[in-house]
Amino acid sequence: MAENKYIRIDESVTDYDNRKTFTIENKRHNEQIGWIEYYSCWNQYVFCPMKGTVWNNECLEFVKEFLDTLK
């Protein structure tokens, strides 16, 4: 769905309210390192990194830009 040189974001599930969930994978090892889901308390999609992962500014900016498209 979207990717840069380090990570890939793919749609994974649509919930009962027709809101999408997205997985974030490391392209080198094809491992999930985070996800994006709808957070109803804030009425917006949020980024949830997996414990123990490390993110550089390029990857964080890429995730932020993806979140901006979901508004």
N, C-alpha and C. Protein backbone atom coordinates (compact mmCIF):
# COMPACT_ATOMS: atom_id res chain seq x y z
N MET A 1 0.81 -1.19 0.00
CA MET A 1 0.00 0.00 0.00
C MET A 1 0.86 1.26 0.00
N ALA A 2 1.83 1.36 0.94
CA ALA A 2 2.76 2.49 0.98
C ALA A 2 4.08 1.97 1.54
N GLU A 3 5.18 2.49 1.03
CA GLU A 3 6.47 2.05 1.56
C GLU A 3 7.55 3.09 1.27
N ASN A 4 8.58 3.05 2.10
CA ASN A 4 9.80 3.79 1.84
C ASN A 4 10.93 2.76 1.79
N LYS A 5 12.17 3.18 1.91
CA LYS A 5 13.24 2.19 1.77
C LYS A 5 13.38 1.26 2.96
N TYR A 6 12.76 1.59 4.10
CA TYR A 6 12.90 0.76 5.30
C TYR A 6 11.64 0.00 5.71
N ILE A 7 10.47 0.63 5.53
CA ILE A 7 9.23 0.04 6.05
C ILE A 7 8.13 0.01 4.99
N ARG A 8 7.15 -0.86 5.26
CA ARG A 8 5.98 -1.02 4.39
C ARG A 8 4.73 -0.93 5.27
N ILE A 9 3.72 -0.23 4.78
CA ILE A 9 2.45 -0.14 5.48
C ILE A 9 1.39 -0.81 4.62
N ASP A 10 0.71 -1.80 5.20
CA ASP A 10 -0.32 -2.56 4.48
C ASP A 10 -1.62 -2.57 5.27
N GLU A 11 -2.73 -2.48 4.56
CA GLU A 11 -4.03 -2.63 5.21
C GLU A 11 -4.18 -4.07 5.66
N SER A 12 -4.63 -4.26 6.90
CA SER A 12 -4.73 -5.63 7.39
C SER A 12 -6.15 -6.06 7.74
N VAL A 13 -6.93 -5.20 8.38
CA VAL A 13 -8.26 -5.58 8.87
C VAL A 13 -9.18 -4.37 8.77
N THR A 14 -10.43 -4.62 8.53
CA THR A 14 -11.45 -3.58 8.64
C THR A 14 -12.36 -3.99 9.78
N ASP A 15 -12.59 -3.08 10.74
CA ASP A 15 -13.41 -3.44 11.90
C ASP A 15 -14.90 -3.27 11.61
N TYR A 16 -15.70 -3.48 12.61
CA TYR A 16 -17.16 -3.45 12.45
C TYR A 16 -17.69 -2.07 12.08
N ASP A 17 -16.96 -1.01 12.37
CA ASP A 17 -17.36 0.35 11.99
C ASP A 17 -16.79 0.76 10.65
N ASN A 18 -16.23 -0.21 9.92
CA ASN A 18 -15.62 0.03 8.61
C ASN A 18 -14.36 0.89 8.70
N ARG A 19 -13.69 0.83 9.86
CA ARG A 19 -12.42 1.53 10.03
C ARG A 19 -11.30 0.54 9.77
N LYS A 20 -10.28 0.99 9.09
CA LYS A 20 -9.19 0.10 8.70
C LYS A 20 -8.10 0.07 9.75
N THR A 21 -7.40 -1.05 9.82
CA THR A 21 -6.18 -1.20 10.61
C THR A 21 -5.06 -1.50 9.63
N PHE A 22 -3.86 -0.98 9.92
CA PHE A 22 -2.72 -1.12 9.02
C PHE A 22 -1.54 -1.69 9.79
N THR A 23 -0.85 -2.65 9.19
CA THR A 23 0.37 -3.17 9.79
C THR A 23 1.56 -2.44 9.21
N ILE A 24 2.60 -2.29 10.02
CA ILE A 24 3.85 -1.68 9.58
C ILE A 24 4.92 -2.75 9.71
N GLU A 25 5.60 -3.04 8.60
CA GLU A 25 6.60 -4.10 8.58
C GLU A 25 7.96 -3.56 8.20
N ASN A 26 8.99 -4.17 8.78
CA ASN A 26 10.37 -3.93 8.40
C ASN A 26 10.60 -4.65 7.07
N LYS A 27 11.05 -3.94 6.05
CA LYS A 27 11.23 -4.55 4.73
C LYS A 27 12.39 -5.53 4.68
N ARG A 28 13.39 -5.34 5.50
CA ARG A 28 14.55 -6.23 5.47
C ARG A 28 14.20 -7.64 5.96
N HIS A 29 13.41 -7.72 7.04
CA HIS A 29 13.11 -9.02 7.66
C HIS A 29 11.65 -9.42 7.53
N ASN A 30 10.83 -8.56 6.92
CA ASN A 30 9.39 -8.83 6.78
C ASN A 30 8.73 -9.14 8.12
N GLU A 31 9.10 -8.37 9.16
CA GLU A 31 8.53 -8.54 10.49
C GLU A 31 7.67 -7.33 10.83
N GLN A 32 6.56 -7.58 11.51
CA GLN A 32 5.73 -6.48 11.95
C GLN A 32 6.43 -5.73 13.06
N ILE A 33 6.48 -4.40 12.93
CA ILE A 33 7.15 -3.57 13.94
C ILE A 33 6.21 -2.49 14.50
N GLY A 34 4.98 -2.49 14.04
CA GLY A 34 4.00 -1.53 14.55
C GLY A 34 2.70 -1.66 13.79
N TRP A 35 1.74 -0.80 14.17
CA TRP A 35 0.47 -0.78 13.45
C TRP A 35 -0.16 0.59 13.61
N ILE A 36 -1.16 0.82 12.79
CA ILE A 36 -1.96 2.05 12.83
C ILE A 36 -3.40 1.60 12.99
N GLU A 37 -4.08 2.19 13.97
CA GLU A 37 -5.48 1.83 14.20
C GLU A 37 -6.28 3.07 14.58
N TYR A 38 -7.59 2.95 14.47
CA TYR A 38 -8.47 4.06 14.84
C TYR A 38 -8.63 4.08 16.34
N TYR A 39 -8.44 5.25 16.94
CA TYR A 39 -8.58 5.43 18.39
C TYR A 39 -9.78 6.34 18.62
N SER A 40 -10.88 5.74 19.03
CA SER A 40 -12.14 6.49 19.11
C SER A 40 -12.12 7.60 20.17
N CYS A 41 -11.33 7.46 21.23
CA CYS A 41 -11.26 8.52 22.25
C CYS A 41 -10.75 9.84 21.65
N TRP A 42 -9.86 9.74 20.67
CA TRP A 42 -9.31 10.93 20.02
C TRP A 42 -9.93 11.18 18.66
N ASN A 43 -10.81 10.26 18.22
CA ASN A 43 -11.49 10.38 16.94
C ASN A 43 -10.51 10.52 15.77
N GLN A 44 -9.45 9.69 15.81
CA GLN A 44 -8.45 9.73 14.75
C GLN A 44 -7.63 8.44 14.76
N TYR A 45 -6.89 8.22 13.67
CA TYR A 45 -5.97 7.09 13.60
C TYR A 45 -4.70 7.43 14.37
N VAL A 46 -4.12 6.41 15.00
CA VAL A 46 -2.90 6.58 15.79
C VAL A 46 -1.87 5.53 15.43
N PHE A 47 -0.62 5.85 15.66
CA PHE A 47 0.51 4.95 15.42
C PHE A 47 0.88 4.24 16.71
N CYS A 48 1.04 2.93 16.65
CA CYS A 48 1.38 2.11 17.81
C CYS A 48 2.63 1.29 17.49
N PRO A 49 3.82 1.74 17.92
CA PRO A 49 5.03 0.95 17.66
C PRO A 49 5.07 -0.26 18.58
N MET A 50 5.64 -1.33 18.10
CA MET A 50 5.81 -2.53 18.94
C MET A 50 6.96 -2.29 19.92
N LYS A 51 6.83 -2.86 21.11
CA LYS A 51 7.86 -2.74 22.14
C LYS A 51 9.20 -3.24 21.61
N GLY A 52 10.25 -2.48 21.90
CA GLY A 52 11.60 -2.88 21.52
C GLY A 52 12.02 -2.44 20.13
N THR A 53 11.14 -1.74 19.41
CA THR A 53 11.52 -1.27 18.08
C THR A 53 12.19 0.10 18.17
N VAL A 54 13.01 0.41 17.17
CA VAL A 54 13.74 1.68 17.11
C VAL A 54 13.35 2.37 15.81
N TRP A 55 13.04 3.66 15.89
CA TRP A 55 12.55 4.41 14.73
C TRP A 55 13.43 5.62 14.48
N ASN A 56 13.83 5.83 13.23
CA ASN A 56 14.56 7.05 12.89
C ASN A 56 13.58 8.11 12.40
N ASN A 57 14.09 9.33 12.21
CA ASN A 57 13.21 10.43 11.82
C ASN A 57 12.57 10.22 10.46
N GLU A 58 13.26 9.56 9.53
CA GLU A 58 12.72 9.32 8.20
C GLU A 58 11.49 8.40 8.27
N CYS A 59 11.58 7.35 9.06
CA CYS A 59 10.46 6.42 9.20
C CYS A 59 9.30 7.07 9.96
N LEU A 60 9.60 7.83 11.00
CA LEU A 60 8.54 8.52 11.74
C LEU A 60 7.83 9.53 10.85
N GLU A 61 8.57 10.25 10.03
CA GLU A 61 7.96 11.22 9.11
C GLU A 61 7.09 10.50 8.09
N PHE A 62 7.53 9.35 7.61
CA PHE A 62 6.75 8.56 6.66
C PHE A 62 5.42 8.12 7.29
N VAL A 63 5.47 7.64 8.54
CA VAL A 63 4.25 7.25 9.24
C VAL A 63 3.35 8.45 9.46
N LYS A 64 3.92 9.59 9.83
CA LYS A 64 3.14 10.81 10.03
C LYS A 64 2.43 11.22 8.75
N GLU A 65 3.14 11.19 7.62
CA GLU A 65 2.53 11.54 6.34
C GLU A 65 1.40 10.57 5.99
N PHE A 66 1.58 9.28 6.30
CA PHE A 66 0.52 8.30 6.06
C PHE A 66 -0.69 8.61 6.93
N LEU A 67 -0.46 8.92 8.20
CA LEU A 67 -1.56 9.28 9.09
C LEU A 67 -2.32 10.50 8.57
N ASP A 68 -1.60 11.47 8.02
CA ASP A 68 -2.24 12.66 7.45
C ASP A 68 -3.21 12.30 6.33
N THR A 69 -2.92 11.25 5.57
CA THR A 69 -3.82 10.85 4.48
C THR A 69 -5.10 10.21 5.00
N LEU A 70 -5.10 9.77 6.25
CA LEU A 70 -6.26 9.09 6.82
C LEU A 70 -7.25 10.04 7.47
N LYS A 71 -6.94 11.31 7.54
CA LYS A 71 -7.84 12.28 8.19
C LYS A 71 -9.11 12.47 7.39
